[in-house]
Amino acid sequence: MTLTTGRQSILLITALSILVFFTYCYSNPQSGSFYDYTLRIASAMLDGKVGLEEKPPDWLNEIIPYNGKFYSAFPLGSVVTMLPLAVLQKLHVVSQFPGTILAALLASIITVLSFLLAGKYTDNLLKRSVVALFPALATWMWANLAFAGAWHIALGVAVAGQLAALYFTLVRPNPFLAGLFFAVAFGNRTEIILLAPLFVYLLYKNQPEGVEPRNLIKIVDRFIAVPLALGVGTLIYNYVRFASPLDFGYARIPGVLEEPWYQHGIFSIHAIPGNAYAMLIEGWNRIPQFPHLVPTGFGGSILLSCPFLILLFRRGAKDRQVKWLSVGAIVLLTLVLWLHGNPGGWQISYRYGVELLPWMLVVFLESSPKKLTLLEALLFLLSVAINAFSTWLFLQTNYINSSFQ
């Protein structure tokens, strides 16, 4: 890459990240301050507590009352992620949970990381721009992350963490930094921890020749340092709250086990058909007046929401192992997500599927030509249009949250 090309890349990704930031800011007219579970617990943690002394507002209906205190079902990693913001709150720099700004910032970070990851596969700036904008604007992540509740922010952090871990695994191999960002990812979405062996193998496979001899033990040591610390901390955190290291508290949410989709437990194989239908098949609702077709507000095929995903089924790969390991990561995470009692509540398309996007990017890049094709451009623009429409309906109108649910 020449110096001129390097400057062009910096200017381009700066412009793209700013575009995404302000797009997300204006996507949601609300502040995103309502669902601030993780910030409340992080603030309590700065005071040496793991729970709240006083009952929070009623709209925070996933708060867990236990032994006279109030806890969150979010894992330790999600709370730790909010500690810097809690410090700013203590210093009176911020007064409330800036959910909309956090969502916009995460979308910008995801855009930058996607651009950097694409640099491994192509130096074509137009192609890299499409890849960079794909997660934030061409998928169901747009509407869901921009909603900006604590759940959505955790998913956004998990996506950014995985992308950063992939960058420090595939592009600039660094076991410690890959492990650090992997910990950020699974700290916010626990099931991602299942991908640890995959990252270790890819780090071993991509270790630069001539830098130092390949040493699996050394790679593992560096990679697991932060994840192990977070894992142990999470077990202690659970024990302090609920007297059991393996109790994350989700089943303790008042009334949750009485809901029909949890009749077989929070996680069950009985949930797979419903989740599979919601993620892959479910369509939109027809209505007699404009806009005639609207998302259901409680699911919807990711292929309908993002036709660009059709390109994942291309044959061939620059590195077959990397491609098929990425496919394996998608399958493994999907199967775990499908075990959850319901598809995730109020959302556009399949909210939980947002965490699959980093691996979908790798699959796309592995089987894609270096230059942008006409088919890629058309499918990308169509996907952006669909998700712009969905986001508008979801966040700025009453179509979805009233009579069209």
Protein backbone atom coordinates (compact mmCIF):
# COMPACT_ATOMS: atom_id res chain seq x y z
CA MET A 1 0.00 0.00 0.00
CA THR A 2 1.43 3.37 -1.04
CA LEU A 3 1.49 6.42 1.20
CA THR A 4 -1.21 8.07 -0.93
CA THR A 5 -3.44 5.00 -0.72
CA GLY A 6 -2.86 4.87 3.03
CA ARG A 7 -4.00 8.48 3.41
CA GLN A 8 -7.02 7.79 1.23
CA SER A 9 -7.92 4.83 3.44
CA ILE A 10 -7.69 6.93 6.60
CA LEU A 11 -9.79 9.73 5.13
CA LEU A 12 -12.34 7.26 3.77
CA ILE A 13 -12.82 5.27 6.95
CA THR A 14 -13.00 8.49 8.96
CA ALA A 15 -15.78 9.73 6.68
CA LEU A 16 -17.62 6.39 6.80
CA SER A 17 -17.46 6.15 10.59
CA ILE A 18 -18.76 9.72 10.97
CA LEU A 19 -21.56 8.94 8.51
CA VAL A 20 -22.56 5.87 10.51
CA PHE A 21 -22.32 7.71 13.83
CA PHE A 22 -24.72 10.45 12.83
CA THR A 23 -27.01 8.04 10.99
CA TYR A 24 -27.48 6.11 14.24
CA CYS A 25 -27.88 9.28 16.28
CA TYR A 26 -30.74 10.44 14.06
CA SER A 27 -32.27 6.96 13.73
CA ASN A 28 -33.62 7.03 17.25
CA PRO A 29 -35.35 10.24 18.40
CA GLN A 30 -35.24 8.98 22.00
CA SER A 31 -32.24 9.30 24.31
CA GLY A 32 -31.98 5.57 24.97
CA SER A 33 -31.72 6.35 28.67
CA PHE A 34 -34.57 4.13 29.89
CA TYR A 35 -33.12 0.61 29.92
CA ASP A 36 -29.94 1.27 31.85
CA TYR A 37 -29.59 -2.00 33.78
CA THR A 38 -25.84 -2.35 33.35
CA LEU A 39 -24.99 1.26 34.17
CA ARG A 40 -26.98 1.10 37.43
CA ILE A 41 -25.09 -2.03 38.53
CA ALA A 42 -21.74 -0.58 37.40
CA SER A 43 -22.41 2.53 39.46
CA ALA A 44 -23.25 0.35 42.48
CA MET A 45 -20.05 -1.61 41.91
CA LEU A 46 -18.01 1.60 42.23
CA ASP A 47 -19.54 1.84 45.70
CA GLY A 48 -18.41 -1.69 46.52
CA LYS A 49 -21.80 -3.32 45.92
CA VAL A 50 -23.00 -5.89 43.38
CA GLY A 51 -26.67 -4.98 43.68
CA LEU A 52 -28.96 -2.03 44.23
CA GLU A 53 -30.23 -1.05 47.65
CA GLU A 54 -33.43 0.57 46.38
CA LYS A 55 -35.99 -0.79 43.97
CA PRO A 56 -35.44 0.70 40.47
CA PRO A 57 -38.28 2.05 38.28
CA ASP A 58 -40.97 -0.42 37.24
CA TRP A 59 -40.03 -0.29 33.55
CA LEU A 60 -36.81 -2.12 34.45
CA ASN A 61 -38.80 -5.34 34.69
CA GLU A 62 -35.81 -7.67 34.45
CA ILE A 63 -34.33 -6.56 37.78
CA ILE A 64 -34.09 -9.47 40.23
CA PRO A 65 -35.13 -8.94 43.87
CA TYR A 66 -33.19 -11.29 46.13
CA ASN A 67 -32.43 -11.16 49.86
CA GLY A 68 -33.49 -7.54 50.17
CA LYS A 69 -31.43 -6.25 47.22
CA PHE A 70 -31.95 -5.86 43.51
CA TYR A 71 -29.70 -7.48 40.90
CA SER A 72 -29.32 -7.63 37.13
CA ALA A 73 -29.24 -10.79 35.01
CA PHE A 74 -26.51 -9.26 32.83
CA PRO A 75 -23.15 -11.04 33.16
CA LEU A 76 -20.15 -9.41 34.83
CA GLY A 77 -18.57 -8.50 31.49
CA SER A 78 -21.52 -6.29 30.54
CA VAL A 79 -21.28 -4.48 33.86
CA VAL A 80 -17.50 -4.03 33.58
CA THR A 81 -18.00 -2.55 30.11
CA MET A 82 -20.08 0.20 31.72
CA LEU A 83 -17.58 1.04 34.49
CA PRO A 84 -15.91 3.92 32.55
CA LEU A 85 -19.36 5.42 31.97
CA ALA A 86 -20.22 4.93 35.64
CA VAL A 87 -17.06 6.88 36.56
CA LEU A 88 -18.16 9.71 34.27
CA GLN A 89 -21.56 9.63 35.95
CA LYS A 90 -19.95 9.87 39.40
CA LEU A 91 -17.96 12.88 38.14
CA HIS A 92 -21.22 14.43 36.85
CA VAL A 93 -19.95 14.44 33.28
CA VAL A 94 -23.03 12.46 32.25
CA SER A 95 -26.33 12.41 34.12
CA GLN A 96 -28.04 9.38 32.59
CA PHE A 97 -27.45 6.37 30.35
CA PRO A 98 -26.55 7.82 26.91
CA GLY A 99 -27.85 4.77 25.06
CA THR A 100 -28.31 6.41 21.66
CA ILE A 101 -24.79 7.88 21.71
CA LEU A 102 -23.31 4.54 22.84
CA ALA A 103 -25.10 2.73 20.02
CA ALA A 104 -23.81 5.27 17.48
CA LEU A 105 -20.27 4.98 18.84
CA LEU A 106 -20.39 1.18 18.71
CA ALA A 107 -21.71 1.26 15.14
CA SER A 108 -18.80 3.52 14.16
CA ILE A 109 -16.28 1.23 15.84
CA ILE A 110 -17.80 -1.79 14.09
CA THR A 111 -17.52 0.08 10.78
CA VAL A 112 -13.82 0.82 11.33
CA LEU A 113 -13.04 -2.75 12.40
CA SER A 114 -14.88 -4.20 9.39
CA PHE A 115 -12.88 -1.89 7.10
CA LEU A 116 -9.61 -3.03 8.71
CA LEU A 117 -10.57 -6.71 8.48
CA ALA A 118 -11.42 -6.29 4.79
CA GLY A 119 -7.91 -4.96 4.23
CA LYS A 120 -6.59 -8.51 4.56
CA TYR A 121 -8.57 -9.52 1.48
CA THR A 122 -8.61 -6.50 -0.82
CA ASP A 123 -7.03 -3.07 -1.31
CA ASN A 124 -10.00 -1.91 -3.39
CA LEU A 125 -11.42 1.00 -1.41
CA LEU A 126 -14.93 0.71 -2.86
CA LYS A 127 -15.11 -2.96 -1.86
CA ARG A 128 -13.74 -2.21 1.60
CA SER A 129 -16.30 0.57 2.02
CA VAL A 130 -19.18 -1.80 1.29
CA VAL A 131 -17.76 -4.36 3.72
CA ALA A 132 -17.31 -1.64 6.35
CA LEU A 133 -20.89 -0.39 6.05
CA PHE A 134 -22.45 -3.84 5.76
CA PRO A 135 -22.97 -4.67 9.49
CA ALA A 136 -24.09 -1.20 10.58
CA LEU A 137 -26.40 -0.22 7.71
CA ALA A 138 -27.25 -3.29 5.62
CA THR A 139 -28.41 -5.66 8.35
CA TRP A 140 -31.00 -5.91 11.11
CA MET A 141 -28.33 -4.65 13.52
CA TRP A 142 -29.21 -1.09 12.51
CA ALA A 143 -32.71 -1.05 13.99
CA ASN A 144 -31.84 -3.23 16.97
CA LEU A 145 -28.61 -1.56 18.06
CA ALA A 146 -30.10 1.90 17.52
CA PHE A 147 -32.92 1.00 19.94
CA ALA A 148 -30.08 1.41 22.48
CA GLY A 149 -31.27 -0.53 25.51
CA ALA A 150 -28.77 -2.39 27.68
CA TRP A 151 -29.45 -5.63 25.79
CA HIS A 152 -28.75 -4.00 22.44
CA ILE A 153 -25.58 -2.30 23.66
CA ALA A 154 -24.29 -5.65 24.97
CA LEU A 155 -24.85 -7.20 21.54
CA GLY A 156 -23.05 -4.30 19.87
CA VAL A 157 -20.09 -4.66 22.22
CA ALA A 158 -20.02 -8.42 21.48
CA VAL A 159 -19.86 -7.72 17.73
CA ALA A 160 -17.10 -5.12 18.14
CA GLY A 161 -15.16 -7.46 20.45
CA GLN A 162 -15.32 -10.33 18.00
CA LEU A 163 -14.27 -8.14 15.08
CA ALA A 164 -11.30 -6.80 17.04
CA ALA A 165 -10.36 -10.34 18.11
CA LEU A 166 -10.57 -11.48 14.47
CA TYR A 167 -8.39 -8.55 13.39
CA PHE A 168 -5.72 -9.52 15.92
CA THR A 169 -6.05 -13.14 14.84
CA LEU A 170 -6.24 -13.00 11.04
CA VAL A 171 -4.67 -9.65 10.08
CA ARG A 172 -2.14 -8.75 12.79
CA PRO A 173 -1.82 -11.87 14.95
CA ASN A 174 -1.38 -10.95 18.61
CA PRO A 175 -2.57 -13.59 21.09
CA PHE A 176 -2.86 -11.23 24.07
CA LEU A 177 -4.88 -8.56 22.24
CA ALA A 178 -7.01 -11.21 20.53
CA GLY A 179 -7.74 -12.69 23.97
CA LEU A 180 -8.49 -9.28 25.46
CA PHE A 181 -11.12 -8.48 22.83
CA PHE A 182 -12.44 -12.02 22.91
CA ALA A 183 -13.06 -11.48 26.64
CA VAL A 184 -14.92 -8.25 25.81
CA ALA A 185 -17.10 -10.23 23.39
CA PHE A 186 -17.99 -13.20 25.60
CA GLY A 187 -18.27 -10.96 28.64
CA ASN A 188 -21.30 -9.41 26.94
CA ARG A 189 -22.65 -12.54 25.23
CA THR A 190 -21.64 -15.59 27.27
CA GLU A 191 -22.14 -18.20 24.51
CA ILE A 192 -19.23 -16.70 22.52
CA ILE A 193 -16.86 -18.38 25.00
CA LEU A 194 -17.45 -21.60 23.04
CA LEU A 195 -15.34 -20.15 20.20
CA ALA A 196 -12.13 -19.98 22.27
CA PRO A 197 -10.56 -23.12 20.71
CA LEU A 198 -11.27 -21.74 17.23
CA PHE A 199 -9.43 -18.50 17.98
CA VAL A 200 -6.48 -20.38 19.46
CA TYR A 201 -6.21 -22.57 16.36
CA LEU A 202 -6.43 -19.58 14.00
CA LEU A 203 -3.77 -17.74 16.00
CA TYR A 204 -1.50 -20.78 15.77
CA LYS A 205 -2.21 -21.13 12.05
CA ASN A 206 -1.56 -17.43 11.33
CA GLN A 207 1.53 -16.97 13.47
CA PRO A 208 3.97 -14.99 11.27
CA GLU A 209 6.91 -17.05 10.10
CA GLY A 210 10.32 -15.77 11.08
CA VAL A 211 9.05 -13.71 14.00
CA GLU A 212 9.27 -16.53 16.50
CA PRO A 213 8.81 -20.30 16.31
CA ARG A 214 5.25 -21.50 16.55
CA ASN A 215 4.56 -22.32 20.16
CA LEU A 216 1.05 -23.45 20.98
CA ILE A 217 1.60 -23.23 24.76
CA LYS A 218 2.77 -19.63 24.53
CA ILE A 219 -0.16 -18.68 22.29
CA VAL A 220 -2.65 -20.28 24.68
CA ASP A 221 -1.05 -18.59 27.71
CA ARG A 222 -1.25 -15.15 26.15
CA PHE A 223 -4.71 -15.64 24.71
CA ILE A 224 -6.43 -16.95 27.84
CA ALA A 225 -4.93 -14.48 30.35
CA VAL A 226 -7.76 -11.93 30.29
CA PRO A 227 -10.60 -14.35 29.44
CA LEU A 228 -9.59 -16.60 32.35
CA ALA A 229 -9.53 -13.65 34.74
CA LEU A 230 -12.98 -12.53 33.55
CA GLY A 231 -14.32 -16.09 33.75
CA VAL A 232 -13.16 -16.53 37.33
CA GLY A 233 -14.45 -13.07 38.20
CA THR A 234 -17.85 -13.96 36.73
CA LEU A 235 -18.09 -17.11 38.84
CA ILE A 236 -17.24 -15.13 41.97
CA TYR A 237 -19.72 -12.41 40.97
CA ASN A 238 -22.47 -15.02 40.57
CA TYR A 239 -21.63 -16.62 43.91
CA VAL A 240 -21.68 -13.31 45.78
CA ARG A 241 -25.12 -12.52 44.32
CA PHE A 242 -26.90 -15.87 44.34
CA ALA A 243 -24.69 -18.23 46.40
CA SER A 244 -23.91 -20.28 43.28
CA PRO A 245 -21.09 -19.64 40.77
CA LEU A 246 -23.19 -21.03 37.92
CA ASP A 247 -26.35 -19.04 38.65
CA PHE A 248 -26.52 -16.04 36.30
CA GLY A 249 -29.92 -15.10 37.68
CA TYR A 250 -31.95 -15.18 34.46
CA ALA A 251 -34.43 -17.74 35.79
CA ARG A 252 -34.88 -15.56 38.89
CA ILE A 253 -36.41 -12.67 36.94
CA PRO A 254 -39.92 -12.29 38.41
CA GLY A 255 -42.49 -14.16 36.32
CA VAL A 256 -40.09 -15.25 33.60
CA LEU A 257 -40.64 -18.99 34.10
CA GLU A 258 -44.40 -18.44 33.93
CA GLU A 259 -44.17 -17.17 30.35
CA PRO A 260 -45.35 -19.82 27.84
CA TRP A 261 -42.09 -20.02 25.86
CA TYR A 262 -40.15 -20.90 29.02
CA GLN A 263 -42.35 -23.84 30.04
CA HIS A 264 -39.42 -26.19 29.34
CA GLY A 265 -36.87 -23.89 30.98
CA ILE A 266 -34.82 -20.90 29.84
CA PHE A 267 -32.90 -23.13 27.43
CA SER A 268 -34.50 -26.15 25.78
CA ILE A 269 -34.40 -28.12 22.54
CA HIS A 270 -38.15 -27.47 22.37
CA ALA A 271 -37.34 -23.86 21.50
CA ILE A 272 -35.35 -24.72 18.36
CA PRO A 273 -38.25 -24.92 15.83
CA GLY A 274 -39.71 -21.56 16.85
CA ASN A 275 -36.36 -19.81 16.82
CA ALA A 276 -35.37 -21.38 13.51
CA TYR A 277 -38.63 -20.22 11.96
CA ALA A 278 -38.23 -16.69 13.33
CA MET A 279 -34.63 -16.42 12.11
CA LEU A 280 -34.86 -18.06 8.69
CA ILE A 281 -38.45 -18.17 7.42
CA GLU A 282 -40.84 -15.71 9.07
CA GLY A 283 -42.05 -13.00 6.70
CA TRP A 284 -43.57 -9.55 7.10
CA ASN A 285 -47.18 -8.61 7.78
CA ARG A 286 -49.46 -7.36 5.03
CA ILE A 287 -51.62 -4.37 5.89
CA PRO A 288 -54.30 -2.65 3.73
CA GLN A 289 -52.77 0.84 3.83
CA PHE A 290 -49.31 2.28 3.22
CA PRO A 291 -46.66 0.91 3.65
CA HIS A 292 -48.57 -2.36 2.94
CA LEU A 293 -45.73 -4.57 4.23
CA VAL A 294 -44.29 -4.16 7.73
CA PRO A 295 -41.97 -6.28 9.88
CA THR A 296 -43.74 -8.13 12.65
CA GLY A 297 -41.79 -6.49 15.45
CA PHE A 298 -41.07 -9.90 16.98
CA GLY A 299 -38.89 -11.67 14.44
CA GLY A 300 -38.39 -12.07 10.71
CA SER A 301 -36.06 -13.90 8.37
CA ILE A 302 -32.54 -12.48 8.31
CA LEU A 303 -32.43 -13.33 4.58
CA LEU A 304 -35.47 -11.14 3.98
CA SER A 305 -34.01 -8.37 6.12
CA CYS A 306 -30.62 -8.65 4.40
CA PRO A 307 -30.62 -10.16 0.88
CA PHE A 308 -26.85 -9.49 0.81
CA LEU A 309 -26.49 -12.67 2.89
CA ILE A 310 -27.23 -14.70 -0.25
CA LEU A 311 -23.59 -14.07 -1.17
CA LEU A 312 -22.48 -16.23 1.76
CA PHE A 313 -23.42 -19.28 -0.31
CA ARG A 314 -20.75 -18.67 -2.95
CA ARG A 315 -18.34 -21.47 -3.63
CA GLY A 316 -14.57 -21.27 -3.24
CA ALA A 317 -12.34 -19.61 -0.69
CA LYS A 318 -8.98 -17.93 -0.42
CA ASP A 319 -8.32 -20.13 2.61
CA ARG A 320 -10.75 -23.03 2.88
CA GLN A 321 -9.88 -23.71 6.51
CA VAL A 322 -10.66 -20.15 7.60
CA LYS A 323 -13.91 -20.13 5.64
CA TRP A 324 -15.21 -23.43 7.00
CA LEU A 325 -14.12 -22.67 10.55
CA SER A 326 -16.10 -19.43 10.25
CA VAL A 327 -19.10 -21.39 8.97
CA GLY A 328 -18.65 -23.70 11.97
CA ALA A 329 -18.65 -20.69 14.32
CA ILE A 330 -21.91 -19.47 12.78
CA VAL A 331 -23.53 -22.90 13.10
CA LEU A 332 -22.37 -23.39 16.70
CA LEU A 333 -23.53 -19.97 17.89
CA THR A 334 -26.82 -20.34 16.03
CA LEU A 335 -27.60 -23.68 17.64
CA VAL A 336 -26.94 -22.24 21.09
CA LEU A 337 -29.09 -19.19 20.35
CA TRP A 338 -31.92 -21.39 19.12
CA LEU A 339 -32.02 -23.12 22.51
CA HIS A 340 -33.20 -19.91 24.14
CA GLY A 341 -36.88 -19.99 25.06
CA ASN A 342 -37.97 -17.24 22.67
CA PRO A 343 -36.49 -15.34 19.71
CA GLY A 344 -35.71 -12.29 21.80
CA GLY A 345 -38.88 -10.26 22.18
CA TRP A 346 -39.52 -6.89 20.55
CA GLN A 347 -37.10 -6.53 17.66
CA ILE A 348 -36.55 -6.31 13.92
CA SER A 349 -35.69 -9.70 12.41
CA TYR A 350 -33.62 -11.95 14.73
CA ARG A 351 -31.82 -9.68 17.19
CA TYR A 352 -29.58 -12.37 18.67
CA GLY A 353 -28.23 -13.13 15.18
CA VAL A 354 -26.34 -9.82 15.29
CA GLU A 355 -23.46 -11.64 16.99
CA LEU A 356 -23.02 -13.84 13.90
CA LEU A 357 -22.12 -10.88 11.68
CA PRO A 358 -18.31 -10.91 12.22
CA TRP A 359 -18.14 -14.51 11.02
CA MET A 360 -20.48 -13.80 8.12
CA LEU A 361 -18.09 -11.04 7.07
CA VAL A 362 -15.18 -13.49 7.01
CA VAL A 363 -17.16 -16.04 4.97
CA PHE A 364 -18.14 -13.31 2.49
CA LEU A 365 -14.57 -12.01 2.16
CA GLU A 366 -13.11 -15.49 1.75
CA SER A 367 -15.34 -16.28 -1.25
CA SER A 368 -15.53 -12.81 -2.77
CA PRO A 369 -13.48 -11.26 -5.60
CA LYS A 370 -11.20 -8.35 -4.72
CA LYS A 371 -13.27 -5.80 -6.62
CA LEU A 372 -16.90 -4.97 -6.00
CA THR A 373 -19.22 -6.73 -8.43
CA LEU A 374 -22.49 -5.35 -9.76
CA LEU A 375 -24.44 -8.08 -7.93
CA GLU A 376 -22.73 -7.20 -4.64
CA ALA A 377 -23.49 -3.51 -5.11
CA LEU A 378 -27.16 -4.12 -5.94
CA LEU A 379 -27.71 -6.53 -3.03
CA PHE A 380 -25.93 -4.15 -0.68
CA LEU A 381 -28.08 -1.18 -1.73
CA LEU A 382 -31.24 -3.28 -1.48
CA SER A 383 -30.27 -4.42 2.02
CA VAL A 384 -29.54 -0.84 3.12
CA ALA A 385 -32.93 0.28 1.77
CA ILE A 386 -34.79 -2.53 3.57
CA ASN A 387 -33.09 -1.80 6.88
CA ALA A 388 -33.50 1.96 6.57
CA PHE A 389 -37.23 1.34 6.09
CA SER A 390 -37.33 -1.14 9.00
CA THR A 391 -35.45 1.23 11.28
CA TRP A 392 -37.79 4.09 10.43
CA LEU A 393 -40.83 1.92 11.16
CA PHE A 394 -39.34 0.49 14.33
CA LEU A 395 -38.02 3.66 15.94
CA GLN A 396 -39.93 6.59 14.46
CA THR A 397 -43.47 5.40 13.78
CA ASN A 398 -46.26 3.49 15.51
CA TYR A 399 -46.66 0.85 12.82
CA ILE A 400 -44.79 -1.86 14.67
CA ASN A 401 -45.37 -1.02 18.32
CA SER A 402 -49.13 -0.69 18.00
CA SER A 403 -51.56 -2.64 15.86
CA PHE A 404 -49.12 -4.44 13.60
CA GLN A 405 -47.39 -6.63 16.16
